[in-house]
Amino acid sequence: MTDVNLALILGAALLAGASPGPATLTIAGTAMQRGRAAGLALAAGVSSGSLIWSVSAAFGLGAVMLANAWMFEVVRYFGAAYLMYLAIRSARSALRSGAPELRTSAAPSLRAAYAKGLALHLTNPKAILFFGSLYAIGIPPGTEPSALLVVIAAIAVQSSLVFHGYALLFSSAAASRIYIRLRRLFEAAFAAAFGAASWQIFAARLN
């Protein structure tokens, strides 16, 4: 680990993971609307997706995808389509009047929340670019596999704490009361954020 700047790598990963984006917005919205269990399940899905991309980038899959542009393009279009789907759902919710129906989630709904979080992160091309850059710049050539595994584990633990922290924060009673009072405003903001992210991904060009 002498040649690996773990603090710098974790700092970059923290900024990327904790900053507002589709994953954190979805976790916050799910936790406020559907409760703590659903928020934590979705956060677990996002964390799993993050781990998958981290491992893939560490062992060269990110470089392979970027070298074969069609693979990256497939993920990019799937990601843009999925975010647009979330934008449409949020917009429809914002247009619907009346009080929201807050509920606790049964086991199938928790599985669906996990799958939603996993799909959200696996179809995020920015995750590929981020982890690919992180390992390409932060890990020197010839780094021992044991050191690489330490980095992967450290990023996974940190990401999981961040995403699950969002779920716990926004599932509080105070957050739920605010959501009930401002539901349509929240949903409109989510729709705009998802729509903007979808367009950015769709319109981006890989150089």
N, C-alpha and C. Protein backbone atom coordinates (compact mmCIF):
# COMPACT_ATOMS: atom_id res chain seq x y z
N MET A 1 0.82 -1.21 0.00
CA MET A 1 0.00 0.00 0.00
C MET A 1 0.85 1.26 0.00
N THR A 2 2.18 1.15 -0.03
CA THR A 2 3.03 2.34 0.08
C THR A 2 2.86 3.28 -1.09
N ASP A 3 2.54 2.76 -2.28
CA ASP A 3 2.41 3.60 -3.47
C ASP A 3 0.96 4.01 -3.75
N VAL A 4 0.03 3.57 -2.92
CA VAL A 4 -1.39 3.87 -3.13
C VAL A 4 -1.82 4.93 -2.12
N ASN A 5 -2.29 6.06 -2.63
CA ASN A 5 -2.76 7.14 -1.78
C ASN A 5 -4.24 6.88 -1.46
N LEU A 6 -4.47 6.05 -0.44
CA LEU A 6 -5.83 5.64 -0.11
C LEU A 6 -6.69 6.82 0.33
N ALA A 7 -6.11 7.75 1.08
CA ALA A 7 -6.88 8.91 1.55
C ALA A 7 -7.39 9.74 0.37
N LEU A 8 -6.55 9.94 -0.64
CA LEU A 8 -6.96 10.71 -1.82
C LEU A 8 -8.05 9.97 -2.59
N ILE A 9 -7.90 8.67 -2.73
CA ILE A 9 -8.89 7.87 -3.45
C ILE A 9 -10.24 7.92 -2.74
N LEU A 10 -10.22 7.75 -1.41
CA LEU A 10 -11.47 7.78 -0.65
C LEU A 10 -12.08 9.18 -0.66
N GLY A 11 -11.24 10.20 -0.67
CA GLY A 11 -11.76 11.56 -0.74
C GLY A 11 -12.50 11.81 -2.05
N ALA A 12 -11.91 11.36 -3.16
CA ALA A 12 -12.57 11.51 -4.46
C ALA A 12 -13.86 10.71 -4.52
N ALA A 13 -13.82 9.49 -3.99
CA ALA A 13 -15.02 8.64 -3.99
C ALA A 13 -16.12 9.24 -3.11
N LEU A 14 -15.72 9.87 -2.00
CA LEU A 14 -16.71 10.50 -1.11
C LEU A 14 -17.39 11.67 -1.80
N LEU A 15 -16.61 12.51 -2.48
CA LEU A 15 -17.20 13.64 -3.18
C LEU A 15 -18.16 13.18 -4.27
N ALA A 16 -17.79 12.13 -4.98
CA ALA A 16 -18.64 11.63 -6.06
C ALA A 16 -19.91 10.99 -5.51
N GLY A 17 -19.76 10.21 -4.42
CA GLY A 17 -20.91 9.47 -3.90
C GLY A 17 -21.87 10.33 -3.10
N ALA A 18 -21.35 11.29 -2.35
CA ALA A 18 -22.20 12.08 -1.46
C ALA A 18 -22.84 13.28 -2.15
N SER A 19 -22.30 13.69 -3.29
CA SER A 19 -22.87 14.86 -3.98
C SER A 19 -24.24 14.51 -4.55
N PRO A 20 -25.15 15.49 -4.62
CA PRO A 20 -26.50 15.22 -5.15
C PRO A 20 -26.44 14.68 -6.57
N GLY A 21 -27.19 13.64 -6.82
CA GLY A 21 -27.25 13.01 -8.12
C GLY A 21 -28.44 12.07 -8.17
N PRO A 22 -28.64 11.37 -9.29
CA PRO A 22 -29.80 10.48 -9.40
C PRO A 22 -29.90 9.46 -8.27
N ALA A 23 -28.77 8.87 -7.86
CA ALA A 23 -28.82 7.85 -6.82
C ALA A 23 -29.24 8.44 -5.48
N THR A 24 -28.60 9.53 -5.06
CA THR A 24 -28.93 10.12 -3.77
C THR A 24 -30.35 10.71 -3.76
N LEU A 25 -30.78 11.27 -4.89
CA LEU A 25 -32.14 11.80 -4.97
C LEU A 25 -33.17 10.68 -4.86
N THR A 26 -32.89 9.56 -5.51
CA THR A 26 -33.82 8.43 -5.46
C THR A 26 -33.89 7.85 -4.05
N ILE A 27 -32.75 7.73 -3.41
CA ILE A 27 -32.73 7.24 -2.03
C ILE A 27 -33.53 8.17 -1.13
N ALA A 28 -33.30 9.47 -1.25
CA ALA A 28 -34.01 10.43 -0.41
C ALA A 28 -35.51 10.37 -0.64
N GLY A 29 -35.92 10.37 -1.90
CA GLY A 29 -37.34 10.33 -2.21
C GLY A 29 -38.01 9.06 -1.74
N THR A 30 -37.33 7.93 -1.93
CA THR A 30 -37.90 6.64 -1.50
C THR A 30 -38.01 6.59 0.02
N ALA A 31 -36.99 7.05 0.71
CA ALA A 31 -37.00 7.02 2.18
C ALA A 31 -38.11 7.91 2.74
N MET A 32 -38.31 9.08 2.15
CA MET A 32 -39.34 9.99 2.64
C MET A 32 -40.74 9.45 2.36
N GLN A 33 -40.92 8.89 1.15
CA GLN A 33 -42.26 8.48 0.75
C GLN A 33 -42.64 7.10 1.28
N ARG A 34 -41.70 6.17 1.25
CA ARG A 34 -42.04 4.78 1.55
C ARG A 34 -41.45 4.28 2.86
N GLY A 35 -40.64 5.07 3.51
CA GLY A 35 -40.15 4.69 4.82
C GLY A 35 -38.72 4.19 4.83
N ARG A 36 -38.23 3.93 6.04
CA ARG A 36 -36.83 3.58 6.25
C ARG A 36 -36.44 2.27 5.59
N ALA A 37 -37.29 1.24 5.71
CA ALA A 37 -36.92 -0.07 5.17
C ALA A 37 -36.72 0.00 3.66
N ALA A 38 -37.64 0.67 2.96
CA ALA A 38 -37.52 0.79 1.51
C ALA A 38 -36.30 1.61 1.12
N GLY A 39 -36.05 2.69 1.88
CA GLY A 39 -34.88 3.52 1.60
C GLY A 39 -33.58 2.76 1.77
N LEU A 40 -33.50 1.95 2.84
CA LEU A 40 -32.29 1.16 3.07
C LEU A 40 -32.14 0.08 2.01
N ALA A 41 -33.25 -0.53 1.58
CA ALA A 41 -33.17 -1.55 0.54
C ALA A 41 -32.67 -0.95 -0.77
N LEU A 42 -33.17 0.24 -1.11
CA LEU A 42 -32.72 0.89 -2.34
C LEU A 42 -31.25 1.29 -2.22
N ALA A 43 -30.86 1.77 -1.04
CA ALA A 43 -29.45 2.13 -0.81
C ALA A 43 -28.55 0.92 -0.96
N ALA A 44 -29.03 -0.26 -0.50
CA ALA A 44 -28.25 -1.49 -0.66
C ALA A 44 -28.08 -1.83 -2.13
N GLY A 45 -29.11 -1.60 -2.94
CA GLY A 45 -28.99 -1.84 -4.38
C GLY A 45 -27.99 -0.92 -5.03
N VAL A 46 -28.03 0.37 -4.66
CA VAL A 46 -27.07 1.33 -5.20
C VAL A 46 -25.65 0.95 -4.78
N SER A 47 -25.49 0.55 -3.51
CA SER A 47 -24.17 0.15 -3.03
C SER A 47 -23.65 -1.07 -3.78
N SER A 48 -24.55 -2.01 -4.07
CA SER A 48 -24.15 -3.20 -4.83
C SER A 48 -23.70 -2.83 -6.24
N GLY A 49 -24.46 -1.92 -6.87
CA GLY A 49 -24.06 -1.47 -8.20
C GLY A 49 -22.73 -0.76 -8.19
N SER A 50 -22.49 0.04 -7.15
CA SER A 50 -21.21 0.72 -7.02
C SER A 50 -20.07 -0.27 -6.86
N LEU A 51 -20.30 -1.31 -6.07
CA LEU A 51 -19.26 -2.33 -5.88
C LEU A 51 -18.97 -3.07 -7.18
N ILE A 52 -20.01 -3.38 -7.93
CA ILE A 52 -19.82 -4.09 -9.20
C ILE A 52 -18.96 -3.26 -10.15
N TRP A 53 -19.26 -1.96 -10.29
CA TRP A 53 -18.47 -1.12 -11.18
C TRP A 53 -17.06 -0.93 -10.64
N SER A 54 -16.92 -0.86 -9.32
CA SER A 54 -15.60 -0.70 -8.73
C SER A 54 -14.72 -1.91 -9.03
N VAL A 55 -15.27 -3.10 -8.81
CA VAL A 55 -14.50 -4.33 -9.09
C VAL A 55 -14.19 -4.43 -10.58
N SER A 56 -15.18 -4.10 -11.41
CA SER A 56 -14.99 -4.19 -12.87
C SER A 56 -13.88 -3.25 -13.33
N ALA A 57 -13.90 -2.01 -12.81
CA ALA A 57 -12.87 -1.06 -13.21
C ALA A 57 -11.51 -1.47 -12.69
N ALA A 58 -11.46 -2.00 -11.46
CA ALA A 58 -10.18 -2.41 -10.88
C ALA A 58 -9.52 -3.51 -11.68
N PHE A 59 -10.33 -4.38 -12.27
CA PHE A 59 -9.77 -5.50 -13.02
C PHE A 59 -9.87 -5.32 -14.54
N GLY A 60 -10.06 -4.06 -14.95
CA GLY A 60 -9.89 -3.73 -16.36
C GLY A 60 -11.12 -3.70 -17.22
N LEU A 61 -12.32 -4.03 -16.68
CA LEU A 61 -13.49 -4.05 -17.54
C LEU A 61 -13.85 -2.65 -18.03
N GLY A 62 -13.64 -1.64 -17.16
CA GLY A 62 -13.93 -0.28 -17.57
C GLY A 62 -13.12 0.12 -18.79
N ALA A 63 -11.84 -0.24 -18.80
CA ALA A 63 -10.99 0.08 -19.95
C ALA A 63 -11.45 -0.66 -21.20
N VAL A 64 -11.89 -1.91 -21.02
CA VAL A 64 -12.39 -2.68 -22.16
C VAL A 64 -13.63 -2.03 -22.75
N MET A 65 -14.55 -1.56 -21.87
CA MET A 65 -15.76 -0.93 -22.35
C MET A 65 -15.47 0.37 -23.08
N LEU A 66 -14.54 1.15 -22.53
CA LEU A 66 -14.21 2.41 -23.17
C LEU A 66 -13.47 2.19 -24.49
N ALA A 67 -12.70 1.09 -24.59
CA ALA A 67 -12.01 0.78 -25.84
C ALA A 67 -12.99 0.28 -26.90
N ASN A 68 -14.08 -0.35 -26.46
CA ASN A 68 -15.12 -0.81 -27.37
C ASN A 68 -16.35 0.09 -27.16
N ALA A 69 -16.39 1.15 -27.95
CA ALA A 69 -17.35 2.21 -27.71
C ALA A 69 -18.80 1.72 -27.71
N TRP A 70 -19.11 0.69 -28.49
CA TRP A 70 -20.50 0.25 -28.58
C TRP A 70 -21.00 -0.27 -27.24
N MET A 71 -20.12 -0.89 -26.44
CA MET A 71 -20.52 -1.39 -25.13
C MET A 71 -20.89 -0.22 -24.22
N PHE A 72 -20.07 0.81 -24.24
CA PHE A 72 -20.36 1.99 -23.43
C PHE A 72 -21.64 2.67 -23.91
N GLU A 73 -21.85 2.71 -25.23
CA GLU A 73 -23.04 3.35 -25.77
C GLU A 73 -24.32 2.61 -25.34
N VAL A 74 -24.27 1.29 -25.30
CA VAL A 74 -25.43 0.51 -24.84
C VAL A 74 -25.80 0.91 -23.42
N VAL A 75 -24.80 0.94 -22.54
CA VAL A 75 -25.06 1.33 -21.15
C VAL A 75 -25.56 2.77 -21.09
N ARG A 76 -24.98 3.63 -21.91
CA ARG A 76 -25.36 5.04 -21.89
C ARG A 76 -26.83 5.22 -22.27
N TYR A 77 -27.27 4.57 -23.31
CA TYR A 77 -28.66 4.73 -23.74
C TYR A 77 -29.64 4.08 -22.75
N PHE A 78 -29.26 2.95 -22.19
CA PHE A 78 -30.09 2.34 -21.15
C PHE A 78 -30.20 3.27 -19.95
N GLY A 79 -29.08 3.87 -19.55
CA GLY A 79 -29.08 4.77 -18.42
C GLY A 79 -29.95 5.99 -18.66
N ALA A 80 -29.83 6.59 -19.86
CA ALA A 80 -30.64 7.76 -20.18
C ALA A 80 -32.12 7.41 -20.19
N ALA A 81 -32.45 6.24 -20.74
CA ALA A 81 -33.86 5.82 -20.80
C ALA A 81 -34.42 5.56 -19.40
N TYR A 82 -33.62 4.96 -18.54
CA TYR A 82 -34.10 4.65 -17.20
C TYR A 82 -34.32 5.93 -16.39
N LEU A 83 -33.42 6.89 -16.52
CA LEU A 83 -33.59 8.15 -15.82
C LEU A 83 -34.80 8.91 -16.35
N MET A 84 -35.06 8.82 -17.66
CA MET A 84 -36.24 9.48 -18.21
C MET A 84 -37.52 8.82 -17.69
N TYR A 85 -37.47 7.50 -17.53
CA TYR A 85 -38.61 6.79 -16.94
C TYR A 85 -38.88 7.29 -15.52
N LEU A 86 -37.82 7.45 -14.73
CA LEU A 86 -37.98 7.98 -13.37
C LEU A 86 -38.50 9.42 -13.40
N ALA A 87 -38.06 10.21 -14.37
CA ALA A 87 -38.53 11.59 -14.50
C ALA A 87 -40.02 11.63 -14.79
N ILE A 88 -40.47 10.76 -15.69
CA ILE A 88 -41.90 10.72 -16.04
C ILE A 88 -42.74 10.29 -14.85
N ARG A 89 -42.26 9.29 -14.11
CA ARG A 89 -42.99 8.85 -12.93
C ARG A 89 -43.10 9.96 -11.89
N SER A 90 -42.02 10.68 -11.67
CA SER A 90 -42.05 11.78 -10.70
C SER A 90 -42.96 12.91 -11.18
N ALA A 91 -42.92 13.19 -12.48
CA ALA A 91 -43.78 14.24 -13.02
C ALA A 91 -45.25 13.88 -12.87
N ARG A 92 -45.60 12.62 -13.13
CA ARG A 92 -46.98 12.19 -12.96
C ARG A 92 -47.41 12.29 -11.51
N SER A 93 -46.51 11.96 -10.60
CA SER A 93 -46.82 12.09 -9.18
C SER A 93 -47.01 13.55 -8.79
N ALA A 94 -46.19 14.44 -9.35
CA ALA A 94 -46.31 15.86 -9.04
C ALA A 94 -47.63 16.44 -9.53
N LEU A 95 -48.14 15.91 -10.63
CA LEU A 95 -49.40 16.41 -11.19
C LEU A 95 -50.62 15.85 -10.48
N ARG A 96 -50.41 14.79 -9.71
CA ARG A 96 -51.53 14.16 -9.02
C ARG A 96 -51.80 14.89 -7.71
N SER A 97 -53.01 15.35 -7.52
CA SER A 97 -53.37 16.08 -6.32
C SER A 97 -53.70 15.12 -5.18
N GLY A 98 -53.80 15.67 -3.99
CA GLY A 98 -54.14 14.85 -2.84
C GLY A 98 -52.92 14.49 -2.02
N ALA A 99 -53.18 13.99 -0.82
CA ALA A 99 -52.09 13.61 0.08
C ALA A 99 -51.44 12.32 -0.38
N PRO A 100 -50.14 12.18 -0.21
CA PRO A 100 -49.46 10.95 -0.61
C PRO A 100 -49.82 9.81 0.32
N GLU A 101 -49.69 8.62 -0.21
CA GLU A 101 -49.98 7.43 0.59
C GLU A 101 -48.66 6.85 1.09
N LEU A 102 -48.29 7.22 2.32
CA LEU A 102 -47.06 6.71 2.90
C LEU A 102 -47.33 5.33 3.47
N ARG A 103 -46.42 4.41 3.25
CA ARG A 103 -46.67 3.05 3.69
C ARG A 103 -45.35 2.35 3.99
N THR A 104 -45.42 1.35 4.82
CA THR A 104 -44.26 0.49 5.03
C THR A 104 -44.27 -0.56 3.93
N SER A 105 -43.11 -1.13 3.65
CA SER A 105 -42.98 -2.02 2.51
C SER A 105 -42.95 -3.47 2.94
N ALA A 106 -43.66 -4.29 2.22
CA ALA A 106 -43.60 -5.73 2.42
C ALA A 106 -42.36 -6.26 1.72
N ALA A 107 -42.07 -7.55 1.94
CA ALA A 107 -40.85 -8.14 1.40
C ALA A 107 -40.71 -7.98 -0.11
N PRO A 108 -41.78 -8.26 -0.92
CA PRO A 108 -41.60 -8.09 -2.37
C PRO A 108 -41.24 -6.66 -2.75
N SER A 109 -41.82 -5.66 -2.02
CA SER A 109 -41.52 -4.27 -2.32
C SER A 109 -40.07 -3.93 -1.98
N LEU A 110 -39.56 -4.54 -0.92
CA LEU A 110 -38.16 -4.32 -0.56
C LEU A 110 -37.25 -4.89 -1.63
N ARG A 111 -37.60 -6.04 -2.17
CA ARG A 111 -36.81 -6.61 -3.27
C ARG A 111 -36.87 -5.71 -4.49
N ALA A 112 -38.05 -5.15 -4.75
CA ALA A 112 -38.18 -4.23 -5.89
C ALA A 112 -37.35 -2.97 -5.67
N ALA A 113 -37.32 -2.47 -4.43
CA ALA A 113 -36.52 -1.28 -4.13
C ALA A 113 -35.04 -1.57 -4.33
N TYR A 114 -34.60 -2.75 -3.88
CA TYR A 114 -33.19 -3.14 -4.09
C TYR A 114 -32.88 -3.21 -5.58
N ALA A 115 -33.76 -3.86 -6.34
CA ALA A 115 -33.55 -3.99 -7.78
C ALA A 115 -33.52 -2.63 -8.46
N LYS A 116 -34.36 -1.71 -8.00
CA LYS A 116 -34.37 -0.36 -8.57
C LYS A 116 -33.04 0.35 -8.33
N GLY A 117 -32.52 0.24 -7.10
CA GLY A 117 -31.24 0.85 -6.81
C GLY A 117 -30.11 0.24 -7.61
N LEU A 118 -30.14 -1.08 -7.75
CA LEU A 118 -29.11 -1.78 -8.53
C LEU A 118 -29.16 -1.35 -9.99
N ALA A 119 -30.37 -1.32 -10.56
CA ALA A 119 -30.52 -0.92 -11.96
C ALA A 119 -30.09 0.52 -12.17
N LEU A 120 -30.40 1.37 -11.19
CA LEU A 120 -30.05 2.78 -11.31
C LEU A 120 -28.54 2.97 -11.44
N HIS A 121 -27.78 2.20 -10.68
CA HIS A 121 -26.32 2.38 -10.69
C HIS A 121 -25.65 1.60 -11.82
N LEU A 122 -26.20 0.45 -12.17
CA LEU A 122 -25.59 -0.33 -13.24
C LEU A 122 -25.80 0.32 -14.61
N THR A 123 -26.84 1.16 -14.74
CA THR A 123 -27.08 1.84 -16.01
C THR A 123 -26.55 3.27 -16.00
N ASN A 124 -25.71 3.58 -15.02
CA ASN A 124 -25.14 4.92 -14.92
C ASN A 124 -23.76 4.95 -15.57
N PRO A 125 -23.66 5.49 -16.79
CA PRO A 125 -22.34 5.50 -17.46
C PRO A 125 -21.33 6.38 -16.75
N LYS A 126 -21.80 7.35 -15.96
CA LYS A 126 -20.86 8.18 -15.22
C LYS A 126 -20.11 7.36 -14.18
N ALA A 127 -20.75 6.31 -13.67
CA ALA A 127 -20.07 5.44 -12.70
C ALA A 127 -18.90 4.72 -13.37
N ILE A 128 -19.11 4.29 -14.62
CA ILE A 128 -18.03 3.63 -15.36
C ILE A 128 -16.85 4.58 -15.52
N LEU A 129 -17.15 5.80 -15.96
CA LEU A 129 -16.09 6.78 -16.18
C LEU A 129 -15.39 7.14 -14.87
N PHE A 130 -16.19 7.29 -13.79
CA PHE A 130 -15.58 7.67 -12.52
C PHE A 130 -14.64 6.59 -12.00
N PHE A 131 -15.14 5.36 -11.91
CA PHE A 131 -14.31 4.30 -11.37
C PHE A 131 -13.13 3.99 -12.29
N GLY A 132 -13.36 4.07 -13.61
CA GLY A 132 -12.25 3.86 -14.53
C GLY A 132 -11.15 4.88 -14.32
N SER A 133 -11.53 6.15 -14.17
CA SER A 133 -10.54 7.21 -13.93
C SER A 133 -9.88 7.06 -12.57
N LEU A 134 -10.69 6.69 -11.56
CA LEU A 134 -10.18 6.57 -10.20
C LEU A 134 -9.07 5.53 -10.13
N TYR A 135 -9.30 4.37 -10.71
CA TYR A 135 -8.30 3.30 -10.65
C TYR A 135 -7.14 3.57 -11.60
N ALA A 136 -7.43 4.21 -12.74
CA ALA A 136 -6.35 4.49 -13.68
C ALA A 136 -5.37 5.52 -13.12
N ILE A 137 -5.89 6.52 -12.41
CA ILE A 137 -5.05 7.59 -11.89
C ILE A 137 -4.53 7.28 -10.50
N GLY A 138 -5.37 6.69 -9.65
CA GLY A 138 -5.01 6.51 -8.26
C GLY A 138 -4.24 5.24 -7.93
N ILE A 139 -4.26 4.28 -8.85
CA ILE A 139 -3.58 3.00 -8.60
C ILE A 139 -2.38 2.88 -9.54
N PRO A 140 -1.16 2.86 -9.02
CA PRO A 140 0.02 2.75 -9.88
C PRO A 140 0.07 1.39 -10.58
N PRO A 141 0.65 1.32 -11.78
CA PRO A 141 0.82 0.04 -12.45
C PRO A 141 1.63 -0.93 -11.59
N GLY A 142 1.26 -2.18 -11.62
CA GLY A 142 1.98 -3.19 -10.87
C GLY A 142 1.59 -3.29 -9.41
N THR A 143 0.50 -2.61 -9.03
CA THR A 143 0.03 -2.68 -7.65
C THR A 143 -0.36 -4.12 -7.31
N GLU A 144 0.03 -4.57 -6.14
CA GLU A 144 -0.28 -5.93 -5.72
C GLU A 144 -1.79 -6.14 -5.60
N PRO A 145 -2.28 -7.34 -5.97
CA PRO A 145 -3.71 -7.62 -5.85
C PRO A 145 -4.25 -7.41 -4.44
N SER A 146 -3.44 -7.70 -3.44
CA SER A 146 -3.90 -7.52 -2.06
C SER A 146 -4.19 -6.05 -1.77
N ALA A 147 -3.32 -5.15 -2.27
CA ALA A 147 -3.55 -3.72 -2.09
C ALA A 147 -4.78 -3.27 -2.85
N LEU A 148 -5.00 -3.83 -4.04
CA LEU A 148 -6.17 -3.50 -4.84
C LEU A 148 -7.45 -3.91 -4.12
N LEU A 149 -7.43 -5.06 -3.48
CA LEU A 149 -8.60 -5.53 -2.74
C LEU A 149 -8.89 -4.64 -1.54
N VAL A 150 -7.85 -4.11 -0.91
CA VAL A 150 -8.04 -3.19 0.21
C VAL A 150 -8.74 -1.92 -0.28
N VAL A 151 -8.32 -1.40 -1.42
CA VAL A 151 -8.94 -0.20 -1.98
C VAL A 151 -10.40 -0.46 -2.31
N ILE A 152 -10.67 -1.60 -2.96
CA ILE A 152 -12.05 -1.95 -3.32
C ILE A 152 -12.92 -2.04 -2.07
N ALA A 153 -12.42 -2.70 -1.04
CA ALA A 153 -13.18 -2.87 0.20
C ALA A 153 -13.42 -1.52 0.88
N ALA A 154 -12.40 -0.66 0.91
CA ALA A 154 -12.53 0.63 1.56
C ALA A 154 -13.57 1.51 0.85
N ILE A 155 -13.53 1.52 -0.48
CA ILE A 155 -14.51 2.29 -1.24
C ILE A 155 -15.91 1.73 -1.02
N ALA A 156 -16.04 0.41 -0.98
CA ALA A 156 -17.35 -0.22 -0.79
C ALA A 156 -17.94 0.14 0.56
N VAL A 157 -17.12 0.08 1.61
CA VAL A 157 -17.61 0.42 2.95
C VAL A 157 -18.02 1.89 3.02
N GLN A 158 -17.18 2.75 2.48
CA GLN A 158 -17.49 4.18 2.52
C GLN A 158 -18.76 4.49 1.73
N SER A 159 -18.89 3.92 0.53
CA SER A 159 -20.08 4.16 -0.29
C SER A 159 -21.34 3.66 0.40
N SER A 160 -21.24 2.50 1.01
CA SER A 160 -22.39 1.94 1.71
C SER A 160 -22.81 2.83 2.87
N LEU A 161 -21.84 3.35 3.62
CA LEU A 161 -22.16 4.25 4.73
C LEU A 161 -22.84 5.53 4.24
N VAL A 162 -22.36 6.07 3.12
CA VAL A 162 -22.94 7.29 2.57
C VAL A 162 -24.37 7.06 2.11
N PHE A 163 -24.58 6.02 1.31
CA PHE A 163 -25.91 5.78 0.74
C PHE A 163 -26.92 5.38 1.83
N HIS A 164 -26.49 4.53 2.76
CA HIS A 164 -27.40 4.15 3.84
C HIS A 164 -27.62 5.32 4.80
N GLY A 165 -26.62 6.19 4.92
CA GLY A 165 -26.79 7.39 5.73
C GLY A 165 -27.87 8.30 5.16
N TYR A 166 -27.89 8.44 3.83
CA TYR A 166 -28.95 9.22 3.18
C TYR A 166 -30.31 8.61 3.50
N ALA A 167 -30.42 7.29 3.42
CA ALA A 167 -31.69 6.62 3.69
C ALA A 167 -32.15 6.87 5.12
N LEU A 168 -31.23 6.76 6.07
CA LEU A 168 -31.58 6.99 7.47
C LEU A 168 -31.97 8.44 7.72
N LEU A 169 -31.24 9.36 7.12
CA LEU A 169 -31.50 10.78 7.32
C LEU A 169 -32.88 11.17 6.81
N PHE A 170 -33.20 10.74 5.59
CA PHE A 170 -34.45 11.18 4.97
C PHE A 170 -35.65 10.32 5.34
N SER A 171 -35.44 9.27 6.12
CA SER A 171 -36.57 8.48 6.58
C SER A 171 -37.03 8.91 7.97
N SER A 172 -36.45 9.96 8.50
CA SER A 172 -36.84 10.45 9.81
C SER A 172 -38.27 10.99 9.77
N ALA A 173 -38.88 11.06 10.92
CA ALA A 173 -40.26 11.55 11.00
C ALA A 173 -40.36 12.99 10.50
N ALA A 174 -39.36 13.80 10.81
CA ALA A 174 -39.38 15.20 10.37
C ALA A 174 -39.33 15.29 8.85
N ALA A 175 -38.46 14.47 8.23
CA ALA A 175 -38.35 14.48 6.77
C ALA A 175 -39.66 14.03 6.13
N SER A 176 -40.30 13.01 6.71
CA SER A 176 -41.57 12.51 6.17
C SER A 176 -42.65 13.58 6.27
N ARG A 177 -42.69 14.32 7.36
CA ARG A 177 -43.70 15.39 7.50
C ARG A 177 -43.47 16.49 6.47
N ILE A 178 -42.20 16.83 6.24
CA ILE A 178 -41.90 17.84 5.23
C ILE A 178 -42.31 17.34 3.84
N TYR A 179 -42.05 16.06 3.58
CA TYR A 179 -42.42 15.51 2.28
C TYR A 179 -43.93 15.55 2.08
N ILE A 180 -44.69 15.18 3.11
CA ILE A 180 -46.15 15.19 3.01
C ILE A 180 -46.64 16.60 2.69
N ARG A 181 -46.06 17.59 3.33
CA ARG A 181 -46.49 18.97 3.14
C ARG A 181 -46.10 19.51 1.77
N LEU A 182 -44.93 19.08 1.27
CA LEU A 182 -44.41 19.64 0.02
C LEU A 182 -44.24 18.57 -1.06
N ARG A 183 -45.09 17.55 -1.02
CA ARG A 183 -44.90 16.40 -1.91
C ARG A 183 -44.80 16.80 -3.37
N ARG A 184 -45.73 17.60 -3.86
CA ARG A 184 -45.76 17.92 -5.29
C ARG A 184 -44.54 18.74 -5.69
N LEU A 185 -44.06 19.59 -4.80
CA LEU A 185 -42.84 20.36 -5.08
C LEU A 185 -41.63 19.43 -5.15
N PHE A 186 -41.55 18.48 -4.20
CA PHE A 186 -40.46 17.52 -4.23
C PHE A 186 -40.48 16.70 -5.51
N GLU A 187 -41.65 16.18 -5.87
CA GLU A 187 -41.75 15.34 -7.06
C GLU A 187 -41.42 16.11 -8.33
N ALA A 188 -41.82 17.38 -8.37
CA ALA A 188 -41.48 18.21 -9.53
C ALA A 188 -39.97 18.42 -9.61
N ALA A 189 -39.34 18.63 -8.46
CA ALA A 189 -37.88 18.80 -8.44
C ALA A 189 -37.18 17.52 -8.86
N PHE A 190 -37.68 16.36 -8.38
CA PHE A 190 -37.11 15.08 -8.79
C PHE A 190 -37.26 14.88 -10.30
N ALA A 191 -38.44 15.20 -10.83
CA ALA A 191 -38.67 15.04 -12.26
C ALA A 191 -37.70 15.89 -13.07
N ALA A 192 -37.50 17.14 -12.63
CA ALA A 192 -36.58 18.02 -13.35
C ALA A 192 -35.15 17.50 -13.26
N ALA A 193 -34.75 17.02 -12.07
CA ALA A 193 -33.38 16.53 -11.90
C ALA A 193 -33.14 15.27 -12.73
N PHE A 194 -34.08 14.33 -12.70
CA PHE A 194 -33.93 13.10 -13.49
C PHE A 194 -33.94 13.40 -14.98
N GLY A 195 -34.83 14.30 -15.39
CA GLY A 195 -34.89 14.66 -16.80
C GLY A 195 -33.60 15.31 -17.28
N ALA A 196 -33.05 16.21 -16.46
CA ALA A 196 -31.80 16.88 -16.83
C ALA A 196 -30.65 15.88 -16.90
N ALA A 197 -30.59 14.95 -15.92
CA ALA A 197 -29.53 13.94 -15.93
C ALA A 197 -29.66 13.03 -17.15
N SER A 198 -30.91 12.67 -17.48
CA SER A 198 -31.13 11.82 -18.66
C SER A 198 -30.64 12.52 -19.93
N TRP A 199 -30.97 13.78 -20.07
CA TRP A 199 -30.55 14.52 -21.27
C TRP A 199 -29.03 14.67 -21.33
N GLN A 200 -28.41 14.94 -20.20
CA GLN A 200 -26.95 15.07 -20.17
C GLN A 200 -26.27 13.78 -20.63
N ILE A 201 -26.79 12.65 -20.16
CA ILE A 201 -26.20 11.37 -20.56
C ILE A 201 -26.47 11.08 -22.03
N PHE A 202 -27.70 11.36 -22.46
CA PHE A 202 -28.06 11.08 -23.85
C PHE A 202 -27.29 11.95 -24.83
N ALA A 203 -27.09 13.22 -24.46
CA ALA A 203 -26.44 14.16 -25.37
C ALA A 203 -24.93 14.12 -25.31
N ALA A 204 -24.38 13.47 -24.27
CA ALA A 204 -22.92 13.45 -24.12
C ALA A 204 -22.27 12.65 -25.24
N ARG A 205 -21.04 13.01 -25.53
CA ARG A 205 -20.28 12.27 -26.53
C ARG A 205 -18.96 11.84 -25.89
N LEU A 206 -18.64 10.58 -26.08
CA LEU A 206 -17.41 10.04 -25.49
C LEU A 206 -16.22 10.41 -26.36
N ASN A 207 -15.27 11.15 -25.78
CA ASN A 207 -14.07 11.56 -26.54
C ASN A 207 -12.97 10.53 -26.34
